[in-house]
């Protein structure tokens, strides 16, 4: 039967596997819960701020919901009709745009064929043009189809605000419940974990949404300035794609540049330069100030997470791959020391384990047979002749310092550290069999020998009486003036 520690690890692994399997089976019901968590992360700081100013928590949540609803109503009234109209026109005119794009690509292909290039280079350029054309066409179709399907399947997401309301309202009780369930020794470490998760997940979501909103607004402004059609739709696609690190700006720029290329190549070049300027502002100004190093994950890990999540979960996987990778990174950093320590103890590499280097009582060399480190008896060893090791700082009686180690303070002749101010010095216990020395007696003050300091007395004050003799001491002699005889 495995030991208790192994059973604990196996139980945790089994529970984790069961939880992941259940989440995979219920993956179709994730969107409302994920959106509720996102709303909770976005609104929790504002709710705490309003509650600190005296509002009830439920009132603060309803007030924020009212403000968000008003903003959404304004967006629906002024933006949604034009957005849906542009989406409908794009769906009907997409085949014509595709034919025009193919004509443009065919002209580029003919120019490349007439160029004085080697046959292999010309063939490679033509193949790359064909692949780029197919990729752009498929990307436009996928983005349009995915956006339409997302709008049609958004009905279950109406439950997310209701779940977010309950989460926001019960958040203080959840915090108190978690603190009560944690012991005093673990509370600080778990609170650090919660703060790290909030910084990585919540901070990334809030900051990335702000940056994506800026990018979408600027792309819409650029498309409107250059007279491109579907400016609002292009800005929304750019904002949505900007949530994906590394690949998002490229994905969002392709439809804008393609739409500009349908007007003229010069317009496409100008639009591309404007998009590069927007990306420079985002990467150099906004992202360092708003996002910073919130996730703390290596770029290779981020790229791998994007590839895996995009392959298995599509657009939703690309959007949530980075915060999930950051969450896993924080959890592993939290659990790794304890997990490695537990494995080390199980494998016998921990303190006092079989493979730990045992030392003798003198501080150097292997321990005697039957004993382990610090003079303790090893497993199966005999207790005969075993004695606890002396405290650090003094060698045992008759022992010499180990020449292979640095000499301790008592062997180097250095002075011992002074005691702290206001504390009595600690006396060391003598060796066994040595009587404890008595404290030194203070020297008695002998009167009449040597000049004594004169004591001033106020005029008219009575003469001070002599202090009574201490018990066990002889009565002090009275000073006799010089020239008189003392009685025998």
Protein backbone atom coordinates (compact mmCIF):
# COMPACT_ATOMS: atom_id res chain seq x y z
CA UNK A 1 0.00 0.00 0.00
CA UNK A 2 1.50 3.41 -0.89
CA UNK A 3 2.39 5.78 1.94
CA UNK A 4 0.04 8.52 3.07
CA UNK A 5 1.92 11.23 1.18
CA UNK A 6 1.70 9.27 -2.07
CA UNK A 7 -2.00 8.68 -1.47
CA UNK A 8 -2.50 12.42 -1.01
CA UNK A 9 -0.73 13.20 -4.28
CA UNK A 10 -2.71 10.55 -6.12
CA UNK A 11 -5.96 11.91 -4.69
CA UNK A 12 -5.14 15.45 -5.83
CA UNK A 13 -4.17 14.18 -9.30
CA UNK A 14 -7.38 12.16 -9.58
CA UNK A 15 -9.53 15.13 -8.54
CA UNK A 16 -7.73 17.40 -11.02
CA UNK A 17 -8.20 14.88 -13.84
CA UNK A 18 -11.89 14.47 -12.98
CA UNK A 19 -12.38 18.24 -12.92
CA UNK A 20 -10.68 18.71 -16.29
CA UNK A 21 -12.73 15.90 -17.79
CA UNK A 22 -15.96 17.44 -16.50
CA UNK A 23 -14.99 20.83 -17.90
CA UNK A 24 -14.25 19.23 -21.26
CA UNK A 25 -17.65 17.48 -21.32
CA UNK A 26 -19.42 20.74 -20.43
CA UNK A 27 -17.38 22.91 -22.78
CA UNK A 28 -20.55 23.97 -24.61
CA UNK A 29 -21.78 25.80 -21.49
CA UNK A 30 -18.57 27.73 -20.87
CA UNK A 31 -19.37 31.05 -22.61
CA UNK A 32 -21.89 32.41 -20.04
CA UNK A 33 -19.63 31.50 -17.11
CA UNK A 34 -16.53 32.91 -18.79
CA UNK A 35 -18.33 36.16 -19.64
CA UNK A 36 -19.65 36.38 -16.07
CA UNK A 37 -16.10 36.05 -14.72
CA UNK A 38 -14.89 38.71 -17.16
CA UNK A 39 -17.66 41.10 -16.05
CA UNK A 40 -16.81 40.39 -12.41
CA UNK A 41 -13.15 41.20 -12.99
CA UNK A 42 -14.05 44.39 -14.86
CA UNK A 43 -16.61 45.73 -12.38
CA UNK A 44 -15.21 44.55 -9.02
CA UNK A 45 -12.82 47.53 -8.53
CA UNK A 46 -15.60 50.04 -9.32
CA UNK A 47 -18.03 48.27 -6.96
CA UNK A 48 -15.46 48.29 -4.14
CA UNK A 49 -14.81 52.00 -4.80
CA UNK A 50 -18.52 52.91 -4.58
CA UNK A 51 -19.02 50.73 -1.51
CA UNK A 52 -16.15 52.54 0.24
CA UNK A 53 -18.08 55.80 -0.24
CA UNK A 54 -21.12 54.53 1.67
CA UNK A 55 -23.28 52.87 -0.98
CA UNK A 56 -24.69 49.43 -0.37
CA UNK A 57 -23.03 46.80 -2.50
CA UNK A 58 -26.22 45.81 -4.34
CA UNK A 59 -26.99 49.49 -5.02
CA UNK A 60 -23.49 50.06 -6.38
CA UNK A 61 -23.81 47.05 -8.69
CA UNK A 62 -27.21 48.20 -9.99
CA UNK A 63 -25.85 51.71 -10.56
CA UNK A 64 -22.96 50.34 -12.60
CA UNK A 65 -25.33 48.09 -14.54
CA UNK A 66 -27.47 51.15 -15.31
CA UNK A 67 -24.46 53.08 -16.62
CA UNK A 68 -23.32 50.11 -18.73
CA UNK A 69 -26.86 49.65 -20.08
CA UNK A 70 -27.06 53.32 -21.07
CA UNK A 71 -23.71 53.08 -22.85
CA UNK A 72 -24.83 49.90 -24.62
CA UNK A 73 -28.12 51.56 -25.62
CA UNK A 74 -26.27 54.51 -27.13
CA UNK A 75 -24.01 52.11 -29.01
CA UNK A 76 -26.99 50.10 -30.24
CA UNK A 77 -28.92 53.16 -31.39
CA UNK A 78 -26.05 54.91 -33.13
CA UNK A 79 -23.65 52.12 -34.14
CA UNK A 80 -25.53 48.83 -34.46
CA UNK A 81 -27.75 49.76 -37.46
CA UNK A 82 -24.77 50.92 -39.50
CA UNK A 83 -22.76 47.93 -38.33
CA UNK A 84 -25.46 45.45 -39.39
CA UNK A 85 -25.97 47.28 -42.68
CA UNK A 86 -22.26 47.12 -43.43
CA UNK A 87 -22.20 43.46 -42.47
CA UNK A 88 -25.11 42.71 -44.81
CA UNK A 89 -23.53 44.63 -47.69
CA UNK A 90 -20.23 42.89 -47.10
CA UNK A 91 -21.95 39.51 -47.33
CA UNK A 92 -23.59 40.40 -50.64
CA UNK A 93 -20.59 42.19 -52.15
CA UNK A 94 -17.90 39.80 -50.94
CA UNK A 95 -17.87 37.71 -54.15
CA UNK A 96 -17.33 40.87 -56.23
CA UNK A 97 -14.52 42.00 -53.91
CA UNK A 98 -13.00 38.55 -54.18
CA UNK A 99 -13.03 38.74 -58.00
CA UNK A 100 -11.44 42.18 -57.92
CA UNK A 101 -8.82 40.92 -55.49
CA UNK A 102 -8.07 37.99 -57.78
CA UNK A 103 -7.71 40.38 -60.73
CA UNK A 104 -5.25 42.44 -58.71
CA UNK A 105 -3.31 39.33 -57.75
CA UNK A 106 -3.31 38.18 -61.39
CA UNK A 107 -1.73 41.47 -62.43
CA UNK A 108 0.96 41.00 -59.78
CA UNK A 109 1.49 37.45 -61.05
CA UNK A 110 1.93 38.64 -64.63
CA UNK A 111 4.40 41.30 -63.52
CA UNK A 112 6.35 38.66 -61.63
CA UNK A 113 6.29 36.35 -64.66
CA UNK A 114 7.66 39.08 -66.95
CA UNK A 115 10.41 39.98 -64.49
CA UNK A 116 13.94 38.90 -65.35
CA UNK A 117 14.24 36.33 -62.60
CA UNK A 118 15.52 32.78 -62.59
CA UNK A 119 12.89 30.16 -63.30
CA UNK A 120 13.02 28.68 -59.79
CA UNK A 121 12.68 32.09 -58.13
CA UNK A 122 9.79 33.07 -60.46
CA UNK A 123 7.99 29.80 -59.69
CA UNK A 124 8.46 30.29 -55.95
CA UNK A 125 7.09 33.86 -56.15
CA UNK A 126 4.02 32.72 -58.11
CA UNK A 127 3.33 29.92 -55.63
CA UNK A 128 3.65 32.35 -52.73
CA UNK A 129 1.20 34.75 -54.43
CA UNK A 130 -1.31 31.92 -54.89
CA UNK A 131 -0.97 30.86 -51.25
CA UNK A 132 -1.38 34.46 -50.06
CA UNK A 133 -4.50 34.92 -52.18
CA UNK A 134 -6.05 31.73 -50.84
CA UNK A 135 -5.16 32.66 -47.26
CA UNK A 136 -6.64 36.18 -47.51
CA UNK A 137 -9.85 34.91 -49.11
CA UNK A 138 -10.28 32.20 -46.49
CA UNK A 139 -9.50 34.66 -43.69
CA UNK A 140 -12.15 37.13 -44.85
CA UNK A 141 -14.73 34.35 -45.17
CA UNK A 142 -13.88 32.91 -41.75
CA UNK A 143 -13.99 36.29 -40.02
CA UNK A 144 -17.32 37.20 -41.56
CA UNK A 145 -18.88 33.80 -40.94
CA UNK A 146 -17.55 33.61 -37.39
CA UNK A 147 -18.87 37.09 -36.60
CA UNK A 148 -22.34 36.24 -37.91
CA UNK A 149 -22.44 32.94 -36.01
CA UNK A 150 -21.28 34.72 -32.87
CA UNK A 151 -24.07 37.30 -33.13
CA UNK A 152 -26.68 34.62 -33.75
CA UNK A 153 -25.45 32.43 -30.89
CA UNK A 154 -25.23 35.23 -28.32
CA UNK A 155 -28.59 34.42 -26.72
CA UNK A 156 -27.13 32.25 -23.89
CA UNK A 157 -24.78 35.09 -23.01
CA UNK A 158 -27.74 37.05 -21.63
CA UNK A 159 -27.39 34.95 -18.47
CA UNK A 160 -23.88 36.28 -17.87
CA UNK A 161 -24.94 39.64 -16.32
CA UNK A 162 -27.23 37.82 -13.87
CA UNK A 163 -24.44 35.47 -12.77
CA UNK A 164 -22.01 38.39 -12.57
CA UNK A 165 -24.46 40.26 -10.29
CA UNK A 166 -24.52 37.39 -7.80
CA UNK A 167 -20.76 36.99 -7.97
CA UNK A 168 -20.18 40.70 -7.32
CA UNK A 169 -22.73 40.82 -4.50
CA UNK A 170 -21.35 37.75 -2.71
CA UNK A 171 -17.68 38.53 -3.30
CA UNK A 172 -17.00 39.82 0.27
CA UNK A 173 -18.67 36.73 1.76
CA UNK A 174 -16.61 34.51 -0.49
CA UNK A 175 -13.45 36.27 0.68
CA UNK A 176 -14.39 35.87 4.36
CA UNK A 177 -15.28 32.22 3.83
CA UNK A 178 -11.90 31.58 2.21
CA UNK A 179 -10.05 33.36 5.04
CA UNK A 180 -11.90 31.35 7.68
CA UNK A 181 -11.12 28.06 5.97
CA UNK A 182 -7.42 28.84 5.79
CA UNK A 183 -5.18 28.48 8.81
CA UNK A 184 -3.07 31.33 10.10
CA UNK A 185 0.09 29.76 8.72
CA UNK A 186 -1.33 29.37 5.20
CA UNK A 187 -3.46 32.51 5.00
CA UNK A 188 -0.64 34.83 3.96
CA UNK A 189 0.62 32.51 1.22
CA UNK A 190 -2.87 31.94 -0.19
CA UNK A 191 -3.61 35.67 -0.16
CA UNK A 192 -0.42 36.21 -2.15
CA UNK A 193 -1.65 33.60 -4.65
CA UNK A 194 -5.03 35.35 -4.99
CA UNK A 195 -3.34 38.71 -5.55
CA UNK A 196 -1.04 37.21 -8.18
CA UNK A 197 -3.97 35.58 -10.00
CA UNK A 198 -5.92 38.84 -9.90
CA UNK A 199 -2.93 40.76 -11.25
CA UNK A 200 -2.32 38.29 -14.08
CA UNK A 201 -5.88 37.47 -15.16
CA UNK A 202 -7.90 40.51 -14.11
CA UNK A 203 -5.20 43.05 -14.90
CA UNK A 204 -4.53 41.51 -18.30
CA UNK A 205 -8.21 41.42 -19.24
CA UNK A 206 -8.88 45.01 -18.15
CA UNK A 207 -5.72 46.37 -19.74
CA UNK A 208 -6.07 44.40 -22.96
CA UNK A 209 -9.66 45.55 -23.42
CA UNK A 210 -8.57 49.18 -23.04
CA UNK A 211 -5.77 48.75 -25.58
CA UNK A 212 -8.05 46.88 -28.02
CA UNK A 213 -10.68 49.62 -27.73
CA UNK A 214 -8.07 52.24 -28.61
CA UNK A 215 -6.90 50.22 -31.64
CA UNK A 216 -10.46 49.69 -32.89
CA UNK A 217 -11.28 53.39 -32.58
CA UNK A 218 -8.10 54.45 -34.41
CA UNK A 219 -8.60 51.90 -37.23
CA UNK A 220 -12.18 53.12 -37.70
CA UNK A 221 -10.91 56.71 -37.85
CA UNK A 222 -8.22 55.80 -40.41
CA UNK A 223 -10.69 53.87 -42.59
CA UNK A 224 -13.14 56.78 -42.49
CA UNK A 225 -10.41 59.31 -43.30
CA UNK A 226 -9.30 57.40 -46.41
CA UNK A 227 -12.88 56.80 -47.53
CA UNK A 228 -12.90 53.03 -47.08
CA UNK A 229 -16.22 51.25 -46.95
CA UNK A 230 -17.26 49.23 -43.90
CA UNK A 231 -15.14 51.44 -41.60
CA UNK A 232 -17.03 50.45 -38.42
CA UNK A 233 -16.84 46.76 -39.30
CA UNK A 234 -13.12 47.00 -40.04
CA UNK A 235 -12.51 48.77 -36.72
CA UNK A 236 -14.48 46.12 -34.81
CA UNK A 237 -12.52 43.33 -36.50
CA UNK A 238 -9.22 45.09 -35.70
CA UNK A 239 -10.21 45.52 -32.02
CA UNK A 240 -11.25 41.88 -31.74
CA UNK A 241 -8.07 40.66 -33.42
CA UNK A 242 -5.89 42.91 -31.24
CA UNK A 243 -6.87 40.80 -28.22
CA UNK A 244 -4.67 38.04 -29.70
CA UNK A 245 -0.98 38.67 -28.93
CA UNK A 246 1.64 38.68 -31.70
CA UNK A 247 -0.68 37.49 -34.49
CA UNK A 248 -3.66 39.75 -33.74
CA UNK A 249 -2.36 43.00 -35.27
CA UNK A 250 -1.49 41.18 -38.51
CA UNK A 251 -4.91 39.50 -38.68
CA UNK A 252 -6.67 42.81 -38.04
CA UNK A 253 -4.59 44.72 -40.60
CA UNK A 254 -5.14 42.31 -43.51
CA UNK A 255 -8.84 43.19 -44.17
CA UNK A 256 -8.14 46.93 -43.88
CA UNK A 257 -5.21 46.86 -46.31
CA UNK A 258 -7.13 44.56 -48.68
CA UNK A 259 -10.10 46.94 -48.71
CA UNK A 260 -7.77 49.86 -49.38
CA UNK A 261 -6.03 47.93 -52.18
CA UNK A 262 -9.38 47.58 -53.96
CA UNK A 263 -9.44 51.37 -54.32
CA UNK A 264 -5.83 51.95 -55.35
CA UNK A 265 -2.35 50.68 -54.49
CA UNK A 266 -1.36 54.15 -53.23
CA UNK A 267 -4.25 54.11 -50.75
CA UNK A 268 -3.18 50.67 -49.57
CA UNK A 269 0.35 51.93 -48.90
CA UNK A 270 -0.94 54.95 -46.96
CA UNK A 271 -3.31 52.80 -44.90
CA UNK A 272 -0.51 50.33 -44.15
CA UNK A 273 1.73 53.16 -42.92
CA UNK A 274 -1.09 54.48 -40.71
CA UNK A 275 -1.62 51.01 -39.22
CA UNK A 276 2.11 50.71 -38.53
CA UNK A 277 1.96 54.03 -36.67
CA UNK A 278 -0.98 52.79 -34.59
CA UNK A 279 0.91 49.62 -33.70
CA UNK A 280 3.97 51.64 -32.72
CA UNK A 281 1.87 53.76 -30.34
CA UNK A 282 0.31 50.62 -28.89
CA UNK A 283 3.57 48.74 -28.37
CA UNK A 284 5.70 51.67 -27.20
CA UNK A 285 3.28 53.81 -25.18
CA UNK A 286 0.07 52.04 -24.20
CA UNK A 287 1.07 48.43 -23.58
CA UNK A 288 4.06 49.18 -21.28
CA UNK A 289 1.96 51.59 -19.20
CA UNK A 290 -1.32 49.67 -19.05
CA UNK A 291 -0.25 46.05 -19.33
CA UNK A 292 3.42 46.08 -18.29
CA UNK A 293 4.68 42.59 -17.40
CA UNK A 294 1.39 41.36 -15.97
CA UNK A 295 1.45 37.85 -17.39
CA UNK A 296 5.16 37.12 -16.94
CA UNK A 297 5.14 34.18 -19.38
CA UNK A 298 7.93 33.57 -21.89
CA UNK A 299 7.00 34.47 -25.49
CA UNK A 300 7.63 30.90 -26.67
CA UNK A 301 5.11 29.63 -24.12
CA UNK A 302 2.60 32.26 -25.28
CA UNK A 303 3.04 31.24 -28.94
CA UNK A 304 2.66 27.56 -28.05
CA UNK A 305 -0.48 28.30 -26.03
CA UNK A 306 -1.93 30.28 -28.94
CA UNK A 307 -1.25 27.45 -31.40
CA UNK A 308 -2.77 24.77 -29.16
CA UNK A 309 -5.78 26.85 -28.09
CA UNK A 310 -6.48 28.07 -31.62
CA UNK A 311 -6.33 24.52 -32.99
CA UNK A 312 -8.70 23.05 -30.39
CA UNK A 313 -11.02 25.96 -29.48
CA UNK A 314 -10.88 28.33 -32.46
CA UNK A 315 -11.36 32.07 -31.95
CA UNK A 316 -12.34 31.72 -28.28
CA UNK A 317 -9.15 29.77 -27.63
CA UNK A 318 -7.05 32.51 -29.24
CA UNK A 319 -8.74 35.16 -27.09
CA UNK A 320 -8.28 33.37 -23.76
CA UNK A 321 -5.01 31.51 -24.37
CA UNK A 322 -2.77 34.17 -22.81
CA UNK A 323 -4.68 34.72 -19.52
CA UNK A 324 -5.08 30.96 -19.09
CA UNK A 325 -1.35 30.47 -19.69
CA UNK A 326 -0.61 33.18 -17.12
CA UNK A 327 -2.95 31.52 -14.62
CA UNK A 328 -1.26 28.14 -15.10
CA UNK A 329 2.14 29.82 -14.70
CA UNK A 330 1.09 31.39 -11.37
CA UNK A 331 -0.37 28.13 -10.05
CA UNK A 332 2.75 26.16 -10.98
CA UNK A 333 5.00 28.77 -9.37
CA UNK A 334 2.86 28.53 -6.22
CA UNK A 335 2.71 24.74 -6.01
CA UNK A 336 6.15 23.83 -7.38
CA UNK A 337 8.24 24.28 -4.18
CA UNK A 338 5.84 22.26 -2.03
CA UNK A 339 5.38 19.60 -4.71
CA UNK A 340 9.12 19.22 -5.29
CA UNK A 341 9.72 19.16 -1.55
CA UNK A 342 7.12 16.42 -1.12
CA UNK A 343 8.61 14.36 -3.93
CA UNK A 344 12.09 14.84 -2.45
CA UNK A 345 10.96 13.61 0.94
CA UNK A 346 9.27 10.62 -0.65
CA UNK A 347 12.39 9.79 -2.67
CA UNK A 348 14.61 10.13 0.40
CA UNK A 349 16.42 13.29 -0.67
CA UNK A 350 14.85 15.56 1.93
CA UNK A 351 16.28 16.54 5.30
CA UNK A 352 17.09 13.50 7.29
CA UNK A 353 16.48 11.17 4.35
CA UNK A 354 18.58 8.14 3.51
CA UNK A 355 20.63 9.95 0.90
CA UNK A 356 21.11 13.14 2.90
CA UNK A 357 24.74 13.66 3.92
CA UNK A 358 24.96 12.82 7.57
CA UNK A 359 27.43 14.63 9.77
CA UNK A 360 28.79 13.83 13.14
CA UNK A 361 28.45 15.80 16.30
CA UNK A 362 31.59 17.79 15.68
CA UNK A 363 30.20 19.35 12.49
CA UNK A 364 32.37 17.54 9.91
CA UNK A 365 32.91 14.13 8.40
CA UNK A 366 30.45 11.27 8.28
CA UNK A 367 28.42 10.38 11.29
CA UNK A 368 29.29 7.28 13.25
CA UNK A 369 27.60 4.02 12.45
CA UNK A 370 24.07 3.91 13.76
CA UNK A 371 23.59 7.67 13.77
CA UNK A 372 22.32 10.17 11.22
CA UNK A 373 22.82 13.88 10.82
CA UNK A 374 23.14 16.02 13.95
CA UNK A 375 23.97 13.01 16.11
CA UNK A 376 20.52 11.46 15.88
CA UNK A 377 20.18 7.68 15.62
CA UNK A 378 19.38 6.56 12.10
CA UNK A 379 16.57 4.24 11.21
CA UNK A 380 17.40 0.85 12.70
CA UNK A 381 20.41 2.24 14.60
CA UNK A 382 21.12 1.53 18.26
CA UNK A 383 20.56 4.12 20.95
CA UNK A 384 23.55 2.92 22.99
CA UNK A 385 26.00 5.72 23.58
CA UNK A 386 23.90 8.26 21.72
CA UNK A 387 23.84 11.74 23.19
CA UNK A 388 22.25 14.93 21.82
CA UNK A 389 24.65 17.20 19.98
CA UNK A 390 25.81 20.27 21.91
CA UNK A 391 24.45 23.67 20.92
CA UNK A 392 26.12 25.61 18.15
CA UNK A 393 28.93 27.88 19.26
CA UNK A 394 30.87 25.61 21.69
CA UNK A 395 32.57 22.30 20.95
CA UNK A 396 31.94 19.29 23.15
CA UNK A 397 34.42 18.51 25.88
CA UNK A 398 37.69 17.33 24.36
CA UNK A 399 36.68 18.02 20.74
CA UNK A 400 38.67 20.10 18.29
CA UNK A 401 37.38 22.09 15.36
CA UNK A 402 37.16 20.32 12.06
CA UNK A 403 40.11 21.56 9.95
CA UNK A 404 38.10 21.14 6.75
CA UNK A 405 35.62 23.84 7.75
CA UNK A 406 35.91 27.50 8.61
CA UNK A 407 36.75 28.02 12.30
CA UNK A 408 33.82 29.14 14.44
CA UNK A 409 34.02 32.36 16.46
CA UNK A 410 35.12 30.61 19.66
CA UNK A 411 38.09 29.02 17.80
CA UNK A 412 39.15 32.13 15.88
CA UNK A 413 39.53 34.19 19.04
CA UNK A 414 37.00 36.77 17.97
CA UNK A 415 34.84 38.48 20.50
CA UNK A 416 31.32 37.36 21.04
CA UNK A 417 28.49 39.66 19.96
CA UNK A 418 27.36 42.09 22.63
CA UNK A 419 23.86 41.59 24.03
CA UNK A 420 21.11 43.89 22.90
CA UNK A 421 20.50 47.06 24.84
CA UNK A 422 18.19 46.51 27.79
CA UNK A 423 18.78 42.77 27.99
CA UNK A 424 20.90 40.86 30.43
CA UNK A 425 23.88 38.93 29.05
CA UNK A 426 23.32 35.21 28.73
CA UNK A 427 25.69 33.06 30.75
CA UNK A 428 26.70 29.78 29.22
CA UNK A 429 26.21 26.61 31.17
CA UNK A 430 29.48 25.07 32.37
CA UNK A 431 30.61 21.67 31.27
CA UNK A 432 29.18 18.64 33.05
CA UNK A 433 30.85 18.02 36.39
CA UNK A 434 32.24 21.56 36.78
CA UNK A 435 30.77 23.60 39.66
CA UNK A 436 29.18 26.83 38.62
CA UNK A 437 31.36 29.79 39.76
CA UNK A 438 29.87 32.35 42.08
CA UNK A 439 29.33 35.84 40.73
CA UNK A 440 32.14 38.28 41.67
CA UNK A 441 31.50 40.40 44.75
CA UNK A 442 31.60 44.14 44.35
CA UNK A 443 34.48 45.78 46.29
CA UNK A 444 33.47 47.42 49.54
CA UNK A 445 33.95 51.13 49.89
CA UNK A 446 36.34 51.77 52.78
CA UNK A 447 35.93 55.09 54.51
CA UNK A 448 38.76 57.12 55.91
CA UNK A 449 41.26 56.09 53.25
CA UNK A 450 42.04 58.64 50.65
CA UNK A 451 40.26 61.90 49.98
CA UNK A 452 36.48 61.64 50.13
CA UNK A 453 34.30 63.95 48.07
CA UNK A 454 32.64 66.62 50.14
CA UNK A 455 28.86 66.50 50.25
CA UNK A 456 27.08 69.82 50.14
CA UNK A 457 24.26 70.42 52.58
CA UNK A 458 21.63 73.09 52.27
CA UNK A 459 21.79 75.79 54.98
CA UNK A 460 19.45 74.99 57.87
CA UNK A 461 18.91 71.40 56.80
CA UNK A 462 19.42 68.68 59.45
CA UNK A 463 22.44 66.51 59.23
CA UNK A 464 21.77 63.30 57.32
CA UNK A 465 21.68 60.21 59.44
CA UNK A 466 24.10 57.45 58.71
CA UNK A 467 22.71 54.54 56.75
CA UNK A 468 22.06 51.44 58.88
CA UNK A 469 24.54 48.64 58.40
CA UNK A 470 23.62 45.83 56.01
CA UNK A 471 22.81 42.51 57.60
CA UNK A 472 25.76 40.19 57.71
CA UNK A 473 28.26 43.00 57.42
CA UNK A 474 30.46 44.53 60.14
CA UNK A 475 29.67 48.02 61.41
CA UNK A 476 31.81 50.59 59.62
CA UNK A 477 34.43 52.34 61.69
CA UNK A 478 33.78 55.91 62.74
CA UNK A 479 36.43 58.28 61.43
CA UNK A 480 38.65 59.63 64.24
CA UNK A 481 40.29 63.05 64.02
CA UNK A 482 44.03 62.97 63.72
CA UNK A 483 45.97 63.50 66.97
CA UNK A 484 43.53 61.67 69.26
CA UNK A 485 43.93 58.28 70.76
CA UNK A 486 41.42 55.60 70.14
CA UNK A 487 40.24 53.60 73.16
CA UNK A 488 41.43 50.06 73.33
